[in-house]
PDB file of all heavy atoms in Angstrom:
ATOM      1  N   TYR A   1      37.858  -5.491 -35.932  1.00  0.00           N
ATOM      2  CA  TYR A   1      38.891  -6.027 -35.030  1.00  0.00           C
ATOM      3  C   TYR A   1      39.297  -4.969 -34.005  1.00  0.00           C
ATOM      4  O   TYR A   1      39.543  -5.278 -32.840  1.00  0.00           O
ATOM      5  CB  TYR A   1      40.107  -6.511 -35.826  1.00  0.00           C
ATOM      6  CG  TYR A   1      39.802  -7.681 -36.734  1.00  0.00           C
ATOM      7  CD1 TYR A   1      39.803  -7.525 -38.113  1.00  0.00           C
ATOM      8  CD2 TYR A   1      39.481  -8.932 -36.207  1.00  0.00           C
ATOM      9  CE1 TYR A   1      39.496  -8.590 -38.957  1.00  0.00           C
ATOM     10  CE2 TYR A   1      39.177 -10.003 -37.037  1.00  0.00           C
ATOM     11  CZ  TYR A   1      39.182  -9.829 -38.412  1.00  0.00           C
ATOM     12  OH  TYR A   1      38.879 -10.887 -39.234  1.00  0.00           O
ATOM     13  N   GLN A   2      39.359  -3.726 -34.468  1.00  0.00           N
ATOM     14  CA  GLN A   2      39.664  -2.612 -33.547  1.00  0.00           C
ATOM     15  C   GLN A   2      38.576  -2.484 -32.496  1.00  0.00           C
ATOM     16  O   GLN A   2      38.844  -2.243 -31.322  1.00  0.00           O
ATOM     17  CB  GLN A   2      39.775  -1.298 -34.335  1.00  0.00           C
ATOM     18  CG  GLN A   2      41.076  -1.170 -35.106  1.00  0.00           C
ATOM     19  CD  GLN A   2      41.180   0.187 -35.789  1.00  0.00           C
ATOM     20  OE1 GLN A   2      40.194   0.740 -36.261  1.00  0.00           O
ATOM     21  NE2 GLN A   2      42.380   0.725 -35.853  1.00  0.00           N
ATOM     22  N   LEU A   3      37.328  -2.677 -32.929  1.00  0.00           N
ATOM     23  CA  LEU A   3      36.183  -2.593 -32.020  1.00  0.00           C
ATOM     24  C   LEU A   3      36.270  -3.681 -30.947  1.00  0.00           C
ATOM     25  O   LEU A   3      36.090  -3.423 -29.758  1.00  0.00           O
ATOM     26  CB  LEU A   3      34.878  -2.727 -32.811  1.00  0.00           C
ATOM     27  CG  LEU A   3      33.573  -2.800 -31.996  1.00  0.00           C
ATOM     28  CD1 LEU A   3      33.407  -1.563 -31.130  1.00  0.00           C
ATOM     29  CD2 LEU A   3      32.372  -2.967 -32.919  1.00  0.00           C
ATOM     30  N   LYS A   4      36.581  -4.906 -31.376  1.00  0.00           N
ATOM     31  CA  LYS A   4      36.704  -6.016 -30.419  1.00  0.00           C
ATOM     32  C   LYS A   4      37.840  -5.758 -29.426  1.00  0.00           C
ATOM     33  O   LYS A   4      37.725  -6.038 -28.242  1.00  0.00           O
ATOM     34  CB  LYS A   4      36.935  -7.331 -31.173  1.00  0.00           C
ATOM     35  CG  LYS A   4      35.662  -7.875 -31.803  1.00  0.00           C
ATOM     36  CD  LYS A   4      35.934  -9.093 -32.651  1.00  0.00           C
ATOM     37  CE  LYS A   4      34.669  -9.532 -33.373  1.00  0.00           C
ATOM     38  NZ  LYS A   4      34.934 -10.566 -34.392  1.00  0.00           N
ATOM     39  N   GLY A   5      38.944  -5.209 -29.933  1.00  0.00           N
ATOM     40  CA  GLY A   5      40.083  -4.873 -29.072  1.00  0.00           C
ATOM     41  C   GLY A   5      39.717  -3.812 -28.048  1.00  0.00           C
ATOM     42  O   GLY A   5      40.066  -3.916 -26.863  1.00  0.00           O
ATOM     43  N   ALA A   6      38.981  -2.773 -28.502  1.00  0.00           N
ATOM     44  CA  ALA A   6      38.551  -1.686 -27.600  1.00  0.00           C
ATOM     45  C   ALA A   6      37.585  -2.212 -26.535  1.00  0.00           C
ATOM     46  O   ALA A   6      37.645  -1.798 -25.373  1.00  0.00           O
ATOM     47  CB  ALA A   6      37.889  -0.570 -28.409  1.00  0.00           C
ATOM     48  N   ALA A   7      36.716  -3.141 -26.927  1.00  0.00           N
ATOM     49  CA  ALA A   7      35.762  -3.727 -25.973  1.00  0.00           C
ATOM     50  C   ALA A   7      36.503  -4.552 -24.918  1.00  0.00           C
ATOM     51  O   ALA A   7      36.151  -4.525 -23.733  1.00  0.00           O
ATOM     52  CB  ALA A   7      34.754  -4.597 -26.716  1.00  0.00           C
ATOM     53  N   LYS A   8      37.548  -5.263 -25.357  1.00  0.00           N
ATOM     54  CA  LYS A   8      38.336  -6.085 -24.434  1.00  0.00           C
ATOM     55  C   LYS A   8      39.039  -5.197 -23.397  1.00  0.00           C
ATOM     56  O   LYS A   8      39.042  -5.496 -22.197  1.00  0.00           O
ATOM     57  CB  LYS A   8      39.367  -6.886 -25.229  1.00  0.00           C
ATOM     58  CG  LYS A   8      40.090  -7.935 -24.410  1.00  0.00           C
ATOM     59  CD  LYS A   8      41.073  -8.719 -25.268  1.00  0.00           C
ATOM     60  CE  LYS A   8      41.900  -9.659 -24.414  1.00  0.00           C
ATOM     61  NZ  LYS A   8      42.949 -10.329 -25.182  1.00  0.00           N
ATOM     62  N   VAL A   9      39.623  -4.085 -23.861  1.00  0.00           N
ATOM     63  CA  VAL A   9      40.293  -3.142 -22.954  1.00  0.00           C
ATOM     64  C   VAL A   9      39.286  -2.556 -21.964  1.00  0.00           C
ATOM     65  O   VAL A   9      39.576  -2.403 -20.772  1.00  0.00           O
ATOM     66  CB  VAL A   9      41.000  -2.017 -23.755  1.00  0.00           C
ATOM     67  CG1 VAL A   9      41.507  -0.910 -22.823  1.00  0.00           C
ATOM     68  CG2 VAL A   9      42.162  -2.584 -24.557  1.00  0.00           C
ATOM     69  N   MET A  10      38.099  -2.265 -22.473  1.00  0.00           N
ATOM     70  CA  MET A  10      37.036  -1.710 -21.627  1.00  0.00           C
ATOM     71  C   MET A  10      36.701  -2.669 -20.477  1.00  0.00           C
ATOM     72  O   MET A  10      36.676  -2.273 -19.297  1.00  0.00           O
ATOM     73  CB  MET A  10      35.803  -1.472 -22.512  1.00  0.00           C
ATOM     74  CG  MET A  10      34.599  -0.973 -21.782  1.00  0.00           C
ATOM     75  SD  MET A  10      34.818   0.718 -21.232  1.00  0.00           S
ATOM     76  CE  MET A  10      33.403   0.879 -20.173  1.00  0.00           C
ATOM     77  N   VAL A  11      36.462  -3.929 -20.817  1.00  0.00           N
ATOM     78  CA  VAL A  11      36.110  -4.925 -19.799  1.00  0.00           C
ATOM     79  C   VAL A  11      37.283  -5.137 -18.825  1.00  0.00           C
ATOM     80  O   VAL A  11      37.084  -5.257 -17.615  1.00  0.00           O
ATOM     81  CB  VAL A  11      35.684  -6.260 -20.454  1.00  0.00           C
ATOM     82  CG1 VAL A  11      35.473  -7.343 -19.403  1.00  0.00           C
ATOM     83  CG2 VAL A  11      34.399  -6.063 -21.253  1.00  0.00           C
ATOM     84  N   THR A  12      38.505  -5.149 -19.355  1.00  0.00           N
ATOM     85  CA  THR A  12      39.710  -5.290 -18.513  1.00  0.00           C
ATOM     86  C   THR A  12      39.771  -4.167 -17.479  1.00  0.00           C
ATOM     87  O   THR A  12      40.048  -4.396 -16.297  1.00  0.00           O
ATOM     88  CB  THR A  12      40.997  -5.261 -19.369  1.00  0.00           C
ATOM     89  OG1 THR A  12      40.969  -6.362 -20.268  1.00  0.00           O
ATOM     90  CG2 THR A  12      42.245  -5.361 -18.514  1.00  0.00           C
ATOM     91  N   ASN A  13      39.492  -2.939 -17.919  1.00  0.00           N
ATOM     92  CA  ASN A  13      39.578  -1.786 -17.018  1.00  0.00           C
ATOM     93  C   ASN A  13      38.449  -1.755 -15.991  1.00  0.00           C
ATOM     94  O   ASN A  13      38.652  -1.330 -14.852  1.00  0.00           O
ATOM     95  CB  ASN A  13      39.627  -0.485 -17.824  1.00  0.00           C
ATOM     96  CG  ASN A  13      40.978  -0.254 -18.456  1.00  0.00           C
ATOM     97  OD1 ASN A  13      41.937  -0.954 -18.159  1.00  0.00           O
ATOM     98  ND2 ASN A  13      41.084   0.715 -19.339  1.00  0.00           N
ATOM     99  N   VAL A  14      37.261  -2.217 -16.381  1.00  0.00           N
ATOM    100  CA  VAL A  14      36.154  -2.312 -15.410  1.00  0.00           C
ATOM    101  C   VAL A  14      36.501  -3.367 -14.350  1.00  0.00           C
ATOM    102  O   VAL A  14      36.317  -3.146 -13.145  1.00  0.00           O
ATOM    103  CB  VAL A  14      34.818  -2.658 -16.102  1.00  0.00           C
ATOM    104  CG1 VAL A  14      33.740  -2.948 -15.063  1.00  0.00           C
ATOM    105  CG2 VAL A  14      34.362  -1.519 -17.004  1.00  0.00           C
ATOM    106  N   THR A  15      37.046  -4.505 -14.806  1.00  0.00           N
ATOM    107  CA  THR A  15      37.466  -5.569 -13.879  1.00  0.00           C
ATOM    108  C   THR A  15      38.537  -5.052 -12.924  1.00  0.00           C
ATOM    109  O   THR A  15      38.513  -5.322 -11.720  1.00  0.00           O
ATOM    110  CB  THR A  15      38.009  -6.787 -14.662  1.00  0.00           C
ATOM    111  OG1 THR A  15      37.025  -7.202 -15.599  1.00  0.00           O
ATOM    112  CG2 THR A  15      38.343  -7.939 -13.738  1.00  0.00           C
ATOM    113  N   SER A  16      39.479  -4.298 -13.482  1.00  0.00           N
ATOM    114  CA  SER A  16      40.565  -3.715 -12.681  1.00  0.00           C
ATOM    115  C   SER A  16      40.013  -2.763 -11.623  1.00  0.00           C
ATOM    116  O   SER A  16      40.455  -2.763 -10.471  1.00  0.00           O
ATOM    117  CB  SER A  16      41.545  -2.967 -13.603  1.00  0.00           C
ATOM    118  OG  SER A  16      42.639  -2.483 -12.880  1.00  0.00           O
ATOM    119  N   LEU A  17      39.027  -1.962 -12.003  1.00  0.00           N
ATOM    120  CA  LEU A  17      38.379  -1.041 -11.059  1.00  0.00           C
ATOM    121  C   LEU A  17      37.747  -1.821  -9.903  1.00  0.00           C
ATOM    122  O   LEU A  17      37.926  -1.472  -8.734  1.00  0.00           O
ATOM    123  CB  LEU A  17      37.313  -0.206 -11.777  1.00  0.00           C
ATOM    124  CG  LEU A  17      36.342   0.581 -10.879  1.00  0.00           C
ATOM    125  CD1 LEU A  17      37.078   1.662 -10.094  1.00  0.00           C
ATOM    126  CD2 LEU A  17      35.215   1.192 -11.685  1.00  0.00           C
ATOM    127  N   LEU A  18      37.029  -2.897 -10.231  1.00  0.00           N
ATOM    128  CA  LEU A  18      36.355  -3.686  -9.193  1.00  0.00           C
ATOM    129  C   LEU A  18      37.359  -4.351  -8.256  1.00  0.00           C
ATOM    130  O   LEU A  18      37.145  -4.408  -7.043  1.00  0.00           O
ATOM    131  CB  LEU A  18      35.450  -4.743  -9.843  1.00  0.00           C
ATOM    132  CG  LEU A  18      34.256  -4.180 -10.621  1.00  0.00           C
ATOM    133  CD1 LEU A  18      33.468  -5.288 -11.283  1.00  0.00           C
ATOM    134  CD2 LEU A  18      33.347  -3.343  -9.728  1.00  0.00           C
ATOM    135  N   LYS A  19      38.465  -4.840  -8.807  1.00  0.00           N
ATOM    136  CA  LYS A  19      39.522  -5.437  -7.971  1.00  0.00           C
ATOM    137  C   LYS A  19      40.123  -4.393  -7.041  1.00  0.00           C
ATOM    138  O   LYS A  19      40.420  -4.655  -5.882  1.00  0.00           O
ATOM    139  CB  LYS A  19      40.631  -6.018  -8.855  1.00  0.00           C
ATOM    140  CG  LYS A  19      40.282  -7.342  -9.512  1.00  0.00           C
ATOM    141  CD  LYS A  19      41.474  -7.829 -10.322  1.00  0.00           C
ATOM    142  CE  LYS A  19      41.177  -9.112 -11.066  1.00  0.00           C
ATOM    143  NZ  LYS A  19      42.293  -9.486 -11.955  1.00  0.00           N
ATOM    144  N   THR A  20      40.281  -3.170  -7.568  1.00  0.00           N
ATOM    145  CA  THR A  20      40.849  -2.072  -6.771  1.00  0.00           C
ATOM    146  C   THR A  20      39.906  -1.695  -5.636  1.00  0.00           C
ATOM    147  O   THR A  20      40.340  -1.499  -4.498  1.00  0.00           O
ATOM    148  CB  THR A  20      41.125  -0.846  -7.671  1.00  0.00           C
ATOM    149  OG1 THR A  20      42.066  -1.223  -8.682  1.00  0.00           O
ATOM    150  CG2 THR A  20      41.702   0.318  -6.879  1.00  0.00           C
ATOM    151  N   VAL A  21      38.629  -1.592  -5.943  1.00  0.00           N
ATOM    152  CA  VAL A  21      37.626  -1.260  -4.919  1.00  0.00           C
ATOM    153  C   VAL A  21      37.648  -2.306  -3.800  1.00  0.00           C
ATOM    154  O   VAL A  21      37.621  -1.976  -2.608  1.00  0.00           O
ATOM    155  CB  VAL A  21      36.212  -1.173  -5.544  1.00  0.00           C
ATOM    156  CG1 VAL A  21      35.137  -1.084  -4.472  1.00  0.00           C
ATOM    157  CG2 VAL A  21      36.126   0.044  -6.467  1.00  0.00           C
ATOM    158  N   LYS A  22      37.733  -3.583  -4.185  1.00  0.00           N
ATOM    159  CA  LYS A  22      37.773  -4.668  -3.204  1.00  0.00           C
ATOM    160  C   LYS A  22      39.039  -4.581  -2.346  1.00  0.00           C
ATOM    161  O   LYS A  22      39.004  -4.750  -1.130  1.00  0.00           O
ATOM    162  CB  LYS A  22      37.717  -6.014  -3.935  1.00  0.00           C
ATOM    163  CG  LYS A  22      37.545  -7.198  -3.006  1.00  0.00           C
ATOM    164  CD  LYS A  22      37.472  -8.509  -3.796  1.00  0.00           C
ATOM    165  CE  LYS A  22      37.373  -9.690  -2.851  1.00  0.00           C
ATOM    166  NZ  LYS A  22      37.427 -10.972  -3.556  1.00  0.00           N
ATOM    167  N   ALA A  23      40.179  -4.297  -2.996  1.00  0.00           N
ATOM    168  CA  ALA A  23      41.463  -4.238  -2.283  1.00  0.00           C
ATOM    169  C   ALA A  23      41.529  -3.071  -1.302  1.00  0.00           C
ATOM    170  O   ALA A  23      42.212  -3.153  -0.276  1.00  0.00           O
ATOM    171  CB  ALA A  23      42.611  -4.138  -3.285  1.00  0.00           C
ATOM    172  N   VAL A  24      40.841  -1.976  -1.620  1.00  0.00           N
ATOM    173  CA  VAL A  24      40.848  -0.787  -0.756  1.00  0.00           C
ATOM    174  C   VAL A  24      40.354  -1.134   0.652  1.00  0.00           C
ATOM    175  O   VAL A  24      40.806  -0.571   1.646  1.00  0.00           O
ATOM    176  CB  VAL A  24      40.001   0.335  -1.398  1.00  0.00           C
ATOM    177  CG1 VAL A  24      39.577   1.379  -0.375  1.00  0.00           C
ATOM    178  CG2 VAL A  24      40.799   1.016  -2.512  1.00  0.00           C
ATOM    179  N   GLU A  25      39.429  -2.103   0.734  1.00  0.00           N
ATOM    180  CA  GLU A  25      38.879  -2.499   2.045  1.00  0.00           C
ATOM    181  C   GLU A  25      39.859  -3.353   2.851  1.00  0.00           C
ATOM    182  O   GLU A  25      39.671  -3.558   4.037  1.00  0.00           O
ATOM    183  CB  GLU A  25      37.568  -3.272   1.833  1.00  0.00           C
ATOM    184  CG  GLU A  25      36.468  -2.403   1.230  1.00  0.00           C
ATOM    185  CD  GLU A  25      35.202  -3.191   0.964  1.00  0.00           C
ATOM    186  OE1 GLU A  25      35.236  -4.427   1.071  1.00  0.00           O
ATOM    187  OE2 GLU A  25      34.175  -2.562   0.659  1.00  0.00           O
ATOM    188  N   ASP A  26      40.884  -3.868   2.188  1.00  0.00           N
ATOM    189  CA  ASP A  26      41.860  -4.727   2.860  1.00  0.00           C
ATOM    190  C   ASP A  26      43.236  -4.072   2.776  1.00  0.00           C
ATOM    191  O   ASP A  26      43.895  -4.117   1.742  1.00  0.00           O
ATOM    192  CB  ASP A  26      41.871  -6.114   2.183  1.00  0.00           C
ATOM    193  CG  ASP A  26      42.893  -7.048   2.815  1.00  0.00           C
ATOM    194  OD1 ASP A  26      43.460  -6.685   3.865  1.00  0.00           O
ATOM    195  OD2 ASP A  26      43.140  -8.123   2.243  1.00  0.00           O
ATOM    196  N   GLU A  27      43.652  -3.445   3.878  1.00  0.00           N
ATOM    197  CA  GLU A  27      44.904  -2.683   3.867  1.00  0.00           C
ATOM    198  C   GLU A  27      46.111  -3.519   3.449  1.00  0.00           C
ATOM    199  O   GLU A  27      47.052  -3.011   2.864  1.00  0.00           O
ATOM    200  CB  GLU A  27      45.149  -2.069   5.258  1.00  0.00           C
ATOM    201  CG  GLU A  27      44.257  -0.872   5.527  1.00  0.00           C
ATOM    202  CD  GLU A  27      44.647  -0.121   6.786  1.00  0.00           C
ATOM    203  OE1 GLU A  27      45.844  -0.078   7.091  1.00  0.00           O
ATOM    204  OE2 GLU A  27      43.746   0.414   7.444  1.00  0.00           O
ATOM    205  N   ALA A  28      46.073  -4.817   3.730  1.00  0.00           N
ATOM    206  CA  ALA A  28      47.214  -5.689   3.429  1.00  0.00           C
ATOM    207  C   ALA A  28      47.420  -5.897   1.925  1.00  0.00           C
ATOM    208  O   ALA A  28      48.507  -6.274   1.493  1.00  0.00           O
ATOM    209  CB  ALA A  28      47.027  -7.039   4.105  1.00  0.00           C
ATOM    210  N   THR A  29      46.372  -5.647   1.120  1.00  0.00           N
ATOM    211  CA  THR A  29      46.502  -5.878  -0.329  1.00  0.00           C
ATOM    212  C   THR A  29      46.454  -4.593  -1.159  1.00  0.00           C
ATOM    213  O   THR A  29      46.538  -4.649  -2.381  1.00  0.00           O
ATOM    214  CB  THR A  29      45.390  -6.823  -0.828  1.00  0.00           C
ATOM    215  OG1 THR A  29      44.115  -6.199  -0.602  1.00  0.00           O
ATOM    216  CG2 THR A  29      45.430  -8.160  -0.130  1.00  0.00           C
ATOM    217  N   ARG A  30      46.310  -3.458  -0.495  1.00  0.00           N
ATOM    218  CA  ARG A  30      46.182  -2.186  -1.233  1.00  0.00           C
ATOM    219  C   ARG A  30      47.369  -1.910  -2.150  1.00  0.00           C
ATOM    220  O   ARG A  30      47.210  -1.548  -3.308  1.00  0.00           O
ATOM    221  CB  ARG A  30      46.033  -1.013  -0.254  1.00  0.00           C
ATOM    222  CG  ARG A  30      44.653  -0.885   0.343  1.00  0.00           C
ATOM    223  CD  ARG A  30      44.581   0.337   1.244  1.00  0.00           C
ATOM    224  NE  ARG A  30      43.319   0.420   1.953  1.00  0.00           N
ATOM    225  CZ  ARG A  30      43.011   1.394   2.795  1.00  0.00           C
ATOM    226  NH1 ARG A  30      43.878   2.356   3.046  1.00  0.00           N
ATOM    227  NH2 ARG A  30      41.839   1.411   3.407  1.00  0.00           N
ATOM    228  N   GLY A  31      48.576  -2.082  -1.601  1.00  0.00           N
ATOM    229  CA  GLY A  31      49.782  -1.789  -2.373  1.00  0.00           C
ATOM    230  C   GLY A  31      49.948  -2.719  -3.560  1.00  0.00           C
ATOM    231  O   GLY A  31      50.241  -2.275  -4.678  1.00  0.00           O
ATOM    232  N   THR A  32      49.722  -4.008  -3.321  1.00  0.00           N
ATOM    233  CA  THR A  32      49.826  -5.009  -4.383  1.00  0.00           C
ATOM    234  C   THR A  32      48.866  -4.695  -5.522  1.00  0.00           C
ATOM    235  O   THR A  32      49.233  -4.710  -6.697  1.00  0.00           O
ATOM    236  CB  THR A  32      49.497  -6.423  -3.828  1.00  0.00           C
ATOM    237  OG1 THR A  32      50.343  -6.666  -2.716  1.00  0.00           O
ATOM    238  CG2 THR A  32      49.707  -7.490  -4.863  1.00  0.00           C
ATOM    239  N   ARG A  33      47.623  -4.392  -5.164  1.00  0.00           N
ATOM    240  CA  ARG A  33      46.600  -4.099  -6.174  1.00  0.00           C
ATOM    241  C   ARG A  33      46.927  -2.828  -6.948  1.00  0.00           C
ATOM    242  O   ARG A  33      46.760  -2.761  -8.168  1.00  0.00           O
ATOM    243  CB  ARG A  33      45.233  -3.971  -5.472  1.00  0.00           C
ATOM    244  CG  ARG A  33      44.089  -3.670  -6.390  1.00  0.00           C
ATOM    245  CD  ARG A  33      43.838  -4.780  -7.400  1.00  0.00           C
ATOM    246  NE  ARG A  33      43.364  -4.223  -8.661  1.00  0.00           N
ATOM    247  CZ  ARG A  33      43.834  -4.546  -9.837  1.00  0.00           C
ATOM    248  NH1 ARG A  33      44.799  -5.418  -9.976  1.00  0.00           N
ATOM    249  NH2 ARG A  33      43.340  -3.999 -10.923  1.00  0.00           N
ATOM    250  N   ALA A  34      47.398  -1.796  -6.236  1.00  0.00           N
ATOM    251  CA  ALA A  34      47.762  -0.534  -6.894  1.00  0.00           C
ATOM    252  C   ALA A  34      48.862  -0.777  -7.926  1.00  0.00           C
ATOM    253  O   ALA A  34      48.833  -0.235  -9.035  1.00  0.00           O
ATOM    254  CB  ALA A  34      48.223   0.491  -5.858  1.00  0.00           C
ATOM    255  N   LEU A  35      49.829  -1.623  -7.549  1.00  0.00           N
ATOM    256  CA  LEU A  35      50.943  -1.941  -8.447  1.00  0.00           C
ATOM    257  C   LEU A  35      50.464  -2.734  -9.660  1.00  0.00           C
ATOM    258  O   LEU A  35      50.873  -2.459 -10.794  1.00  0.00           O
ATOM    259  CB  LEU A  35      51.993  -2.746  -7.676  1.00  0.00           C
ATOM    260  CG  LEU A  35      53.469  -2.545  -8.043  1.00  0.00           C
ATOM    261  CD1 LEU A  35      53.846  -1.084  -8.129  1.00  0.00           C
ATOM    262  CD2 LEU A  35      54.355  -3.258  -7.028  1.00  0.00           C
ATOM    263  N   GLU A  36      49.589  -3.709  -9.429  1.00  0.00           N
ATOM    264  CA  GLU A  36      49.030  -4.507 -10.537  1.00  0.00           C
ATOM    265  C   GLU A  36      48.275  -3.618 -11.522  1.00  0.00           C
ATOM    266  O   GLU A  36      48.412  -3.766 -12.746  1.00  0.00           O
ATOM    267  CB  GLU A  36      48.071  -5.577  -9.990  1.00  0.00           C
ATOM    268  CG  GLU A  36      48.757  -6.735  -9.302  1.00  0.00           C
ATOM    269  CD  GLU A  36      47.784  -7.671  -8.596  1.00  0.00           C
ATOM    270  OE1 GLU A  36      46.602  -7.291  -8.421  1.00  0.00           O
ATOM    271  OE2 GLU A  36      48.218  -8.770  -8.220  1.00  0.00           O
ATOM    272  N   ALA A  37      47.491  -2.681 -10.989  1.00  0.00           N
ATOM    273  CA  ALA A  37      46.719  -1.768 -11.842  1.00  0.00           C
ATOM    274  C   ALA A  37      47.644  -0.873 -12.653  1.00  0.00           C
ATOM    275  O   ALA A  37      47.397  -0.596 -13.833  1.00  0.00           O
ATOM    276  CB  ALA A  37      45.780  -0.924 -10.984  1.00  0.00           C
ATOM    277  N   THR A  38      48.734  -0.413 -12.029  1.00  0.00           N
ATOM    278  CA  THR A  38      49.699   0.448 -12.730  1.00  0.00           C
ATOM    279  C   THR A  38      50.403  -0.319 -13.841  1.00  0.00           C
ATOM    280  O   THR A  38      50.603   0.211 -14.944  1.00  0.00           O
ATOM    281  CB  THR A  38      50.732   1.026 -11.733  1.00  0.00           C
ATOM    282  OG1 THR A  38      50.065   1.989 -10.910  1.00  0.00           O
ATOM    283  CG2 THR A  38      51.889   1.711 -12.437  1.00  0.00           C
ATOM    284  N   ILE A  39      50.770  -1.566 -13.575  1.00  0.00           N
ATOM    285  CA  ILE A  39      51.420  -2.398 -14.596  1.00  0.00           C
ATOM    286  C   ILE A  39      50.492  -2.577 -15.801  1.00  0.00           C
ATOM    287  O   ILE A  39      50.911  -2.426 -16.952  1.00  0.00           O
ATOM    288  CB  ILE A  39      51.846  -3.762 -13.996  1.00  0.00           C
ATOM    289  CG1 ILE A  39      53.032  -3.562 -13.044  1.00  0.00           C
ATOM    290  CG2 ILE A  39      52.212  -4.763 -15.097  1.00  0.00           C
ATOM    291  CD1 ILE A  39      53.374  -4.767 -12.173  1.00  0.00           C
ATOM    292  N   GLU A  40      49.224  -2.841 -15.545  1.00  0.00           N
ATOM    293  CA  GLU A  40      48.233  -3.005 -16.622  1.00  0.00           C
ATOM    294  C   GLU A  40      48.087  -1.695 -17.406  1.00  0.00           C
ATOM    295  O   GLU A  40      48.036  -1.699 -18.634  1.00  0.00           O
ATOM    296  CB  GLU A  40      46.885  -3.430 -16.027  1.00  0.00           C
ATOM    297  CG  GLU A  40      45.760  -3.585 -17.041  1.00  0.00           C
ATOM    298  CD  GLU A  40      46.041  -4.591 -18.143  1.00  0.00           C
ATOM    299  OE1 GLU A  40      46.633  -5.657 -17.859  1.00  0.00           O
ATOM    300  OE2 GLU A  40      45.695  -4.296 -19.301  1.00  0.00           O
ATOM    301  N   TYR A  41      48.028  -0.579 -16.683  1.00  0.00           N
ATOM    302  CA  TYR A  41      47.888   0.735 -17.317  1.00  0.00           C
ATOM    303  C   TYR A  41      49.080   1.034 -18.223  1.00  0.00           C
ATOM    304  O   TYR A  41      48.923   1.482 -19.369  1.00  0.00           O
ATOM    305  CB  TYR A  41      47.767   1.823 -16.241  1.00  0.00           C
ATOM    306  CG  TYR A  41      47.838   3.230 -16.769  1.00  0.00           C
ATOM    307  CD1 TYR A  41      46.719   3.842 -17.343  1.00  0.00           C
ATOM    308  CD2 TYR A  41      49.028   3.969 -16.712  1.00  0.00           C
ATOM    309  CE1 TYR A  41      46.786   5.134 -17.847  1.00  0.00           C
ATOM    310  CE2 TYR A  41      49.091   5.257 -17.208  1.00  0.00           C
ATOM    311  CZ  TYR A  41      47.969   5.839 -17.772  1.00  0.00           C
ATOM    312  OH  TYR A  41      48.043   7.114 -18.281  1.00  0.00           O
ATOM    313  N   ILE A  42      50.288   0.778 -17.733  1.00  0.00           N
ATOM    314  CA  ILE A  42      51.502   1.050 -18.516  1.00  0.00           C
ATOM    315  C   ILE A  42      51.527   0.179 -19.776  1.00  0.00           C
ATOM    316  O   ILE A  42      51.906   0.646 -20.860  1.00  0.00           O
ATOM    317  CB  ILE A  42      52.774   0.849 -17.667  1.00  0.00           C
ATOM    318  CG1 ILE A  42      52.871   1.955 -16.598  1.00  0.00           C
ATOM    319  CG2 ILE A  42      54.038   0.856 -18.534  1.00  0.00           C
ATOM    320  CD1 ILE A  42      54.001   1.763 -15.588  1.00  0.00           C
ATOM    321  N   LYS A  43      51.096  -1.073 -19.656  1.00  0.00           N
ATOM    322  CA  LYS A  43      51.049  -1.957 -20.831  1.00  0.00           C
ATOM    323  C   LYS A  43      50.090  -1.402 -21.888  1.00  0.00           C
ATOM    324  O   LYS A  43      50.372  -1.437 -23.083  1.00  0.00           O
ATOM    325  CB  LYS A  43      50.607  -3.370 -20.409  1.00  0.00           C
ATOM    326  CG  LYS A  43      51.705  -4.162 -19.721  1.00  0.00           C
ATOM    327  CD  LYS A  43      51.196  -5.532 -19.276  1.00  0.00           C
ATOM    328  CE  LYS A  43      52.303  -6.330 -18.582  1.00  0.00           C
ATOM    329  NZ  LYS A  43      51.771  -7.609 -18.027  1.00  0.00           N
ATOM    330  N   GLN A  44      48.958  -0.870 -21.435  1.00  0.00           N
ATOM    331  CA  GLN A  44      47.987  -0.274 -22.363  1.00  0.00           C
ATOM    332  C   GLN A  44      48.562   0.990 -23.020  1.00  0.00           C
ATOM    333  O   GLN A  44      48.384   1.216 -24.219  1.00  0.00           O
ATOM    334  CB  GLN A  44      46.682   0.037 -21.637  1.00  0.00           C
ATOM    335  CG  GLN A  44      45.895  -1.206 -21.254  1.00  0.00           C
ATOM    336  CD  GLN A  44      44.594  -0.889 -20.524  1.00  0.00           C
ATOM    337  OE1 GLN A  44      44.140   0.250 -20.502  1.00  0.00           O
ATOM    338  NE2 GLN A  44      44.000  -1.896 -19.914  1.00  0.00           N
TER     339      GLN A  44
END
């Protein structure tokens, strides 16, 4: 169960990275994405 949980966090963080990379190209969403990523990080 710990393994499945760790795998889920891994995929969540890879997805978060890809969303961040995409947002970097759009200045209007950079701040929103940075905040979303920080909220996810703090929850973890």
